[in-house]
Amino acid sequence: MVAVVKYFRGFPGWAEQVREVRRWTEHVLTAHSGFEIPDDTVAAAVLLVSEAATNSIRYTASGRGGTFGVTVFVDRGRITVEVDDEGCPAGGTLPFIRPHTPMAQFGRGMALVDHFADSWGPLPAPRTGVAFTLTWAPERGTVAA
């Protein structure tokens, strides 16, 4: 039986790093986790980590010369992703779903997280950032060799 697998990587707080976050997350979920994760679950994880990383860069000190970290935990039937950032420069607020109009260019990130994740929320203090969990029904024998 495979235990929980944990991966961590830090990233510079640059917008260009969101693409690298997506690539890295997809890579660890498909090539290294030791679990057979359904393609749609991997795709959802990649989308949601992209939204969380974008929010870290756009709304926190991570995007003002700082860094952010992504931790991925994989267990049988469950992925949890944590995106740690450097917090809001003026204290700020916790992650929340912004009201938006259908034509709005911004403001959908946490709504997507809320829609696709089985659970999500802010990281426990004193950490700042967001975590989300995706689950699937593992089939017998789904642990990769």
N, C-alpha and C. Protein backbone atom coordinates (compact mmCIF):
# COMPACT_ATOMS: atom_id res chain seq x y z
N MET A 1 0.84 -1.18 0.00
CA MET A 1 0.00 0.00 0.00
C MET A 1 0.88 1.25 0.00
N VAL A 2 0.52 2.22 -0.80
CA VAL A 2 1.29 3.46 -0.92
C VAL A 2 0.74 4.48 0.08
N ALA A 3 1.62 5.12 0.82
CA ALA A 3 1.22 6.17 1.77
C ALA A 3 1.01 7.48 1.02
N VAL A 4 0.58 8.49 1.74
CA VAL A 4 0.41 9.81 1.15
C VAL A 4 1.74 10.26 0.57
N VAL A 5 1.67 10.78 -0.65
CA VAL A 5 2.85 11.28 -1.33
C VAL A 5 2.77 12.80 -1.31
N LYS A 6 3.88 13.46 -0.94
CA LYS A 6 3.91 14.92 -0.83
C LYS A 6 4.98 15.48 -1.75
N TYR A 7 4.60 16.54 -2.46
CA TYR A 7 5.52 17.27 -3.33
C TYR A 7 5.45 18.74 -2.97
N PHE A 8 6.58 19.43 -3.01
CA PHE A 8 6.60 20.87 -2.77
C PHE A 8 7.54 21.53 -3.77
N ARG A 9 7.15 22.72 -4.20
CA ARG A 9 8.05 23.53 -5.02
C ARG A 9 7.72 25.00 -4.77
N GLY A 10 8.76 25.82 -4.67
CA GLY A 10 8.61 27.25 -4.54
C GLY A 10 8.74 27.91 -5.91
N PHE A 11 8.06 29.04 -6.08
CA PHE A 11 8.07 29.76 -7.35
C PHE A 11 8.25 31.25 -7.11
N PRO A 12 8.96 31.95 -8.01
CA PRO A 12 9.00 33.41 -7.93
C PRO A 12 7.60 33.97 -8.20
N GLY A 13 7.27 35.09 -7.61
CA GLY A 13 5.95 35.68 -7.76
C GLY A 13 5.75 36.44 -9.05
N TRP A 14 6.07 35.83 -10.16
CA TRP A 14 5.93 36.45 -11.49
C TRP A 14 4.77 35.79 -12.22
N ALA A 15 4.03 36.57 -12.99
CA ALA A 15 2.89 36.04 -13.75
C ALA A 15 3.30 34.90 -14.67
N GLU A 16 4.51 34.97 -15.23
CA GLU A 16 4.98 33.93 -16.14
C GLU A 16 5.11 32.57 -15.46
N GLN A 17 5.18 32.56 -14.13
CA GLN A 17 5.36 31.31 -13.40
C GLN A 17 4.09 30.48 -13.31
N VAL A 18 2.93 31.07 -13.60
CA VAL A 18 1.69 30.31 -13.53
C VAL A 18 1.73 29.13 -14.51
N ARG A 19 2.28 29.34 -15.69
CA ARG A 19 2.42 28.26 -16.66
C ARG A 19 3.30 27.14 -16.09
N GLU A 20 4.40 27.53 -15.42
CA GLU A 20 5.28 26.51 -14.83
C GLU A 20 4.58 25.77 -13.69
N VAL A 21 3.76 26.46 -12.91
CA VAL A 21 2.98 25.81 -11.85
C VAL A 21 2.07 24.74 -12.46
N ARG A 22 1.40 25.08 -13.56
CA ARG A 22 0.52 24.11 -14.22
C ARG A 22 1.31 22.90 -14.70
N ARG A 23 2.42 23.16 -15.38
CA ARG A 23 3.26 22.05 -15.89
C ARG A 23 3.75 21.15 -14.76
N TRP A 24 4.28 21.77 -13.70
CA TRP A 24 4.82 21.01 -12.59
C TRP A 24 3.73 20.17 -11.92
N THR A 25 2.57 20.77 -11.69
CA THR A 25 1.47 20.05 -11.04
C THR A 25 1.02 18.87 -11.89
N GLU A 26 0.84 19.09 -13.17
CA GLU A 26 0.44 17.99 -14.05
C GLU A 26 1.50 16.89 -14.05
N HIS A 27 2.76 17.28 -14.08
CA HIS A 27 3.85 16.31 -14.09
C HIS A 27 3.85 15.45 -12.83
N VAL A 28 3.74 16.06 -11.66
CA VAL A 28 3.78 15.24 -10.44
C VAL A 28 2.55 14.35 -10.32
N LEU A 29 1.40 14.82 -10.82
CA LEU A 29 0.19 14.01 -10.71
C LEU A 29 0.15 12.86 -11.70
N THR A 30 0.81 13.02 -12.83
CA THR A 30 0.76 11.96 -13.85
C THR A 30 1.98 11.07 -13.87
N ALA A 31 3.11 11.57 -13.43
CA ALA A 31 4.35 10.80 -13.58
C ALA A 31 4.94 10.28 -12.29
N HIS A 32 4.63 10.89 -11.17
CA HIS A 32 5.38 10.55 -9.96
C HIS A 32 4.57 10.15 -8.74
N SER A 33 3.29 10.31 -8.75
CA SER A 33 2.55 10.16 -7.50
C SER A 33 2.41 8.72 -7.03
N GLY A 34 2.55 7.73 -7.93
CA GLY A 34 2.35 6.34 -7.55
C GLY A 34 0.89 5.93 -7.58
N PHE A 35 0.00 6.83 -7.98
CA PHE A 35 -1.42 6.55 -8.06
C PHE A 35 -1.91 6.77 -9.48
N GLU A 36 -2.93 6.03 -9.87
CA GLU A 36 -3.60 6.27 -11.14
C GLU A 36 -4.71 7.28 -10.87
N ILE A 37 -4.49 8.49 -11.30
CA ILE A 37 -5.46 9.56 -11.07
C ILE A 37 -6.23 9.80 -12.36
N PRO A 38 -7.55 9.83 -12.30
CA PRO A 38 -8.33 10.07 -13.52
C PRO A 38 -7.93 11.37 -14.22
N ASP A 39 -7.95 11.34 -15.55
CA ASP A 39 -7.55 12.51 -16.33
C ASP A 39 -8.36 13.75 -15.97
N ASP A 40 -9.67 13.60 -15.74
CA ASP A 40 -10.47 14.78 -15.43
C ASP A 40 -10.11 15.36 -14.06
N THR A 41 -9.66 14.54 -13.14
CA THR A 41 -9.23 15.03 -11.84
C THR A 41 -7.90 15.77 -11.97
N VAL A 42 -6.99 15.23 -12.78
CA VAL A 42 -5.72 15.93 -13.03
C VAL A 42 -6.00 17.28 -13.69
N ALA A 43 -6.89 17.30 -14.68
CA ALA A 43 -7.22 18.55 -15.38
C ALA A 43 -7.82 19.57 -14.41
N ALA A 44 -8.69 19.13 -13.53
CA ALA A 44 -9.28 20.04 -12.55
C ALA A 44 -8.22 20.58 -11.60
N ALA A 45 -7.32 19.71 -11.14
CA ALA A 45 -6.24 20.16 -10.24
C ALA A 45 -5.37 21.20 -10.92
N VAL A 46 -5.04 20.98 -12.18
CA VAL A 46 -4.19 21.92 -12.92
C VAL A 46 -4.91 23.27 -13.09
N LEU A 47 -6.19 23.23 -13.42
CA LEU A 47 -6.96 24.48 -13.54
C LEU A 47 -7.00 25.23 -12.22
N LEU A 48 -7.30 24.52 -11.14
CA LEU A 48 -7.46 25.19 -9.85
C LEU A 48 -6.15 25.70 -9.28
N VAL A 49 -5.06 24.96 -9.47
CA VAL A 49 -3.77 25.48 -8.98
C VAL A 49 -3.37 26.71 -9.77
N SER A 50 -3.74 26.75 -11.04
CA SER A 50 -3.47 27.93 -11.86
C SER A 50 -4.22 29.14 -11.31
N GLU A 51 -5.48 28.95 -10.94
CA GLU A 51 -6.27 30.05 -10.38
C GLU A 51 -5.70 30.51 -9.03
N ALA A 52 -5.34 29.55 -8.19
CA ALA A 52 -4.80 29.91 -6.87
C ALA A 52 -3.45 30.62 -7.00
N ALA A 53 -2.60 30.14 -7.90
CA ALA A 53 -1.30 30.79 -8.12
C ALA A 53 -1.49 32.21 -8.67
N THR A 54 -2.41 32.36 -9.61
CA THR A 54 -2.69 33.68 -10.16
C THR A 54 -3.15 34.64 -9.07
N ASN A 55 -4.02 34.17 -8.18
CA ASN A 55 -4.47 35.02 -7.08
C ASN A 55 -3.32 35.39 -6.15
N SER A 56 -2.42 34.46 -5.90
CA SER A 56 -1.26 34.77 -5.05
C SER A 56 -0.43 35.89 -5.65
N ILE A 57 -0.25 35.83 -6.96
CA ILE A 57 0.55 36.84 -7.64
C ILE A 57 -0.19 38.17 -7.74
N ARG A 58 -1.47 38.11 -8.04
CA ARG A 58 -2.25 39.33 -8.27
C ARG A 58 -2.59 40.07 -6.99
N TYR A 59 -2.89 39.36 -5.92
CA TYR A 59 -3.47 40.00 -4.74
C TYR A 59 -2.60 39.99 -3.49
N THR A 60 -1.41 39.39 -3.53
CA THR A 60 -0.60 39.32 -2.32
C THR A 60 0.81 39.85 -2.57
N ALA A 61 1.57 39.94 -1.49
CA ALA A 61 2.96 40.39 -1.59
C ALA A 61 3.81 39.43 -2.41
N SER A 62 3.35 38.23 -2.64
CA SER A 62 4.09 37.29 -3.48
C SER A 62 4.33 37.87 -4.87
N GLY A 63 3.36 38.62 -5.38
CA GLY A 63 3.47 39.21 -6.71
C GLY A 63 4.17 40.55 -6.74
N ARG A 64 4.68 40.97 -5.61
CA ARG A 64 5.39 42.25 -5.52
C ARG A 64 6.83 42.00 -5.10
N GLY A 65 7.46 41.08 -5.84
CA GLY A 65 8.85 40.75 -5.56
C GLY A 65 9.03 39.57 -4.64
N GLY A 66 7.94 38.91 -4.27
CA GLY A 66 8.03 37.78 -3.35
C GLY A 66 7.98 36.44 -4.06
N THR A 67 7.63 35.43 -3.30
CA THR A 67 7.53 34.06 -3.81
C THR A 67 6.25 33.44 -3.29
N PHE A 68 5.92 32.28 -3.85
CA PHE A 68 4.81 31.48 -3.33
C PHE A 68 5.20 30.01 -3.48
N GLY A 69 4.56 29.17 -2.70
CA GLY A 69 4.87 27.76 -2.73
C GLY A 69 3.63 26.94 -3.02
N VAL A 70 3.85 25.81 -3.69
CA VAL A 70 2.76 24.88 -3.99
C VAL A 70 3.12 23.52 -3.40
N THR A 71 2.23 23.00 -2.58
CA THR A 71 2.39 21.67 -2.02
C THR A 71 1.25 20.80 -2.52
N VAL A 72 1.58 19.62 -3.03
CA VAL A 72 0.59 18.68 -3.53
C VAL A 72 0.69 17.41 -2.69
N PHE A 73 -0.43 17.02 -2.10
CA PHE A 73 -0.53 15.77 -1.36
C PHE A 73 -1.42 14.83 -2.16
N VAL A 74 -0.95 13.61 -2.40
CA VAL A 74 -1.74 12.64 -3.14
C VAL A 74 -1.91 11.40 -2.28
N ASP A 75 -3.13 10.96 -2.16
CA ASP A 75 -3.46 9.74 -1.45
C ASP A 75 -4.46 8.99 -2.32
N ARG A 76 -4.74 7.77 -1.97
CA ARG A 76 -5.70 6.99 -2.74
C ARG A 76 -7.06 7.70 -2.73
N GLY A 77 -7.48 8.17 -3.88
CA GLY A 77 -8.78 8.82 -4.01
C GLY A 77 -8.83 10.28 -3.61
N ARG A 78 -7.67 10.91 -3.36
CA ARG A 78 -7.69 12.29 -2.88
C ARG A 78 -6.42 13.04 -3.27
N ILE A 79 -6.61 14.27 -3.73
CA ILE A 79 -5.52 15.22 -3.97
C ILE A 79 -5.84 16.46 -3.14
N THR A 80 -4.86 16.93 -2.38
CA THR A 80 -4.98 18.23 -1.71
C THR A 80 -3.83 19.10 -2.18
N VAL A 81 -4.16 20.30 -2.58
CA VAL A 81 -3.16 21.26 -3.05
C VAL A 81 -3.23 22.49 -2.15
N GLU A 82 -2.06 22.91 -1.69
CA GLU A 82 -1.94 24.12 -0.89
C GLU A 82 -1.07 25.12 -1.64
N VAL A 83 -1.54 26.34 -1.74
CA VAL A 83 -0.75 27.42 -2.34
C VAL A 83 -0.51 28.45 -1.25
N ASP A 84 0.73 28.47 -0.76
CA ASP A 84 1.14 29.42 0.29
C ASP A 84 1.64 30.69 -0.37
N ASP A 85 1.19 31.83 0.12
CA ASP A 85 1.69 33.10 -0.41
C ASP A 85 2.21 33.95 0.73
N GLU A 86 2.63 35.16 0.41
CA GLU A 86 3.23 36.05 1.40
C GLU A 86 2.23 37.02 2.01
N GLY A 87 0.95 36.79 1.80
CA GLY A 87 -0.09 37.61 2.42
C GLY A 87 -0.28 38.95 1.75
N CYS A 88 -1.37 39.58 2.10
CA CYS A 88 -1.70 40.89 1.54
C CYS A 88 -0.87 41.96 2.24
N PRO A 89 -0.31 42.88 1.48
CA PRO A 89 0.55 43.91 2.06
C PRO A 89 -0.12 44.73 3.16
N ALA A 90 -1.40 44.98 3.04
CA ALA A 90 -2.09 45.80 4.04
C ALA A 90 -2.97 44.96 4.96
N GLY A 91 -2.64 43.70 5.12
CA GLY A 91 -3.46 42.83 5.96
C GLY A 91 -4.49 42.08 5.15
N GLY A 92 -5.18 42.77 4.26
CA GLY A 92 -6.07 42.15 3.30
C GLY A 92 -7.15 41.26 3.88
N THR A 93 -7.63 40.39 3.02
CA THR A 93 -8.73 39.51 3.39
C THR A 93 -8.37 38.08 3.04
N LEU A 94 -9.20 37.19 3.49
CA LEU A 94 -9.06 35.78 3.12
C LEU A 94 -9.59 35.57 1.71
N PRO A 95 -9.19 34.49 1.06
CA PRO A 95 -9.73 34.21 -0.27
C PRO A 95 -11.26 34.14 -0.23
N PHE A 96 -11.90 34.70 -1.24
CA PHE A 96 -13.36 34.67 -1.29
C PHE A 96 -13.81 34.68 -2.75
N ILE A 97 -15.08 34.34 -2.94
CA ILE A 97 -15.66 34.33 -4.28
C ILE A 97 -16.16 35.74 -4.57
N ARG A 98 -15.62 36.34 -5.62
CA ARG A 98 -16.00 37.69 -6.00
C ARG A 98 -17.26 37.65 -6.87
N PRO A 99 -18.17 38.58 -6.64
CA PRO A 99 -19.29 38.69 -7.58
C PRO A 99 -18.74 39.15 -8.94
N HIS A 100 -19.27 38.63 -10.01
CA HIS A 100 -18.81 39.03 -11.33
C HIS A 100 -19.96 38.95 -12.33
N THR A 101 -19.79 39.69 -13.40
CA THR A 101 -20.77 39.66 -14.48
C THR A 101 -20.29 38.68 -15.54
N PRO A 102 -21.19 38.21 -16.40
CA PRO A 102 -20.78 37.24 -17.42
C PRO A 102 -19.66 37.72 -18.33
N MET A 103 -19.54 39.02 -18.54
CA MET A 103 -18.52 39.56 -19.43
C MET A 103 -17.26 40.02 -18.71
N ALA A 104 -17.21 39.88 -17.40
CA ALA A 104 -16.05 40.32 -16.62
C ALA A 104 -14.81 39.52 -17.02
N GLN A 105 -13.67 40.20 -17.08
CA GLN A 105 -12.42 39.55 -17.44
C GLN A 105 -11.73 38.93 -16.23
N PHE A 106 -12.07 39.38 -15.04
CA PHE A 106 -11.44 38.89 -13.82
C PHE A 106 -12.51 38.52 -12.80
N GLY A 107 -12.10 37.81 -11.77
CA GLY A 107 -13.00 37.55 -10.67
C GLY A 107 -13.62 36.17 -10.64
N ARG A 108 -13.20 35.28 -11.52
CA ARG A 108 -13.80 33.95 -11.56
C ARG A 108 -12.97 32.87 -10.87
N GLY A 109 -11.75 33.19 -10.45
CA GLY A 109 -10.83 32.18 -9.95
C GLY A 109 -11.38 31.37 -8.79
N MET A 110 -11.81 32.03 -7.73
CA MET A 110 -12.29 31.29 -6.58
C MET A 110 -13.66 30.66 -6.85
N ALA A 111 -14.43 31.24 -7.77
CA ALA A 111 -15.70 30.60 -8.16
C ALA A 111 -15.42 29.26 -8.85
N LEU A 112 -14.37 29.21 -9.66
CA LEU A 112 -13.98 27.93 -10.28
C LEU A 112 -13.51 26.94 -9.22
N VAL A 113 -12.72 27.41 -8.28
CA VAL A 113 -12.26 26.54 -7.19
C VAL A 113 -13.49 25.99 -6.44
N ASP A 114 -14.43 26.87 -6.12
CA ASP A 114 -15.62 26.46 -5.40
C ASP A 114 -16.44 25.44 -6.19
N HIS A 115 -16.51 25.61 -7.49
CA HIS A 115 -17.30 24.72 -8.34
C HIS A 115 -16.67 23.33 -8.46
N PHE A 116 -15.37 23.27 -8.70
CA PHE A 116 -14.73 21.99 -9.00
C PHE A 116 -14.20 21.25 -7.77
N ALA A 117 -13.77 21.97 -6.76
CA ALA A 117 -13.15 21.31 -5.59
C ALA A 117 -14.23 20.68 -4.71
N ASP A 118 -13.88 19.57 -4.10
CA ASP A 118 -14.78 18.95 -3.12
C ASP A 118 -14.79 19.76 -1.83
N SER A 119 -13.68 20.41 -1.53
CA SER A 119 -13.61 21.34 -0.41
C SER A 119 -12.48 22.33 -0.68
N TRP A 120 -12.56 23.50 -0.07
CA TRP A 120 -11.49 24.50 -0.21
C TRP A 120 -11.63 25.51 0.93
N GLY A 121 -10.56 26.25 1.14
CA GLY A 121 -10.59 27.30 2.14
C GLY A 121 -9.22 27.89 2.35
N PRO A 122 -9.14 28.91 3.21
CA PRO A 122 -7.85 29.53 3.50
C PRO A 122 -6.97 28.57 4.29
N LEU A 123 -5.67 28.75 4.16
CA LEU A 123 -4.74 27.98 4.98
C LEU A 123 -4.85 28.45 6.42
N PRO A 124 -4.59 27.56 7.37
CA PRO A 124 -4.69 27.97 8.78
C PRO A 124 -3.60 28.99 9.15
N ALA A 125 -3.98 29.98 9.94
CA ALA A 125 -3.02 30.99 10.42
C ALA A 125 -1.91 30.29 11.20
N PRO A 126 -0.72 30.77 11.10
CA PRO A 126 -0.30 32.05 10.54
C PRO A 126 -0.01 31.98 9.05
N ARG A 127 -0.21 30.84 8.43
CA ARG A 127 0.03 30.74 6.99
C ARG A 127 -1.02 31.55 6.23
N THR A 128 -0.66 31.99 5.03
CA THR A 128 -1.62 32.67 4.16
C THR A 128 -1.63 31.97 2.82
N GLY A 129 -2.79 31.92 2.23
CA GLY A 129 -2.97 31.23 0.96
C GLY A 129 -4.25 30.42 0.99
N VAL A 130 -4.34 29.48 0.09
CA VAL A 130 -5.57 28.70 -0.08
C VAL A 130 -5.21 27.23 -0.29
N ALA A 131 -6.13 26.36 0.11
CA ALA A 131 -5.99 24.93 -0.13
C ALA A 131 -7.29 24.41 -0.75
N PHE A 132 -7.18 23.39 -1.57
CA PHE A 132 -8.38 22.74 -2.10
C PHE A 132 -8.13 21.24 -2.19
N THR A 133 -9.23 20.50 -2.15
CA THR A 133 -9.16 19.05 -2.23
C THR A 133 -10.07 18.55 -3.34
N LEU A 134 -9.57 17.61 -4.10
CA LEU A 134 -10.34 16.90 -5.13
C LEU A 134 -10.34 15.43 -4.77
N THR A 135 -11.47 14.77 -4.95
CA THR A 135 -11.54 13.35 -4.66
C THR A 135 -12.10 12.60 -5.87
N TRP A 136 -11.82 11.32 -5.89
CA TRP A 136 -12.39 10.43 -6.90
C TRP A 136 -12.55 9.07 -6.27
N ALA A 137 -13.37 8.24 -6.89
CA ALA A 137 -13.58 6.89 -6.36
C ALA A 137 -12.50 5.98 -6.93
N PRO A 138 -11.50 5.64 -6.11
CA PRO A 138 -10.43 4.78 -6.62
C PRO A 138 -10.96 3.37 -6.87
N GLU A 139 -10.47 2.79 -7.92
CA GLU A 139 -10.85 1.42 -8.25
C GLU A 139 -9.81 0.49 -7.66
N ARG A 140 -10.19 -0.73 -7.46
CA ARG A 140 -9.23 -1.71 -6.95
C ARG A 140 -8.07 -1.80 -7.92
N GLY A 141 -6.88 -1.83 -7.36
CA GLY A 141 -5.70 -1.98 -8.21
C GLY A 141 -5.26 -0.71 -8.90
N THR A 142 -5.67 0.45 -8.41
CA THR A 142 -5.31 1.69 -9.10
C THR A 142 -3.96 2.26 -8.68
N VAL A 143 -3.27 1.60 -7.80
CA VAL A 143 -1.93 2.07 -7.44
C VAL A 143 -0.98 1.68 -8.56
N ALA A 144 -0.28 2.65 -9.10
CA ALA A 144 0.63 2.39 -10.22
C ALA A 144 1.82 1.56 -9.74
N ALA A 145 2.32 0.74 -10.65
CA ALA A 145 3.47 -0.11 -10.32
C ALA A 145 4.76 0.65 -10.37
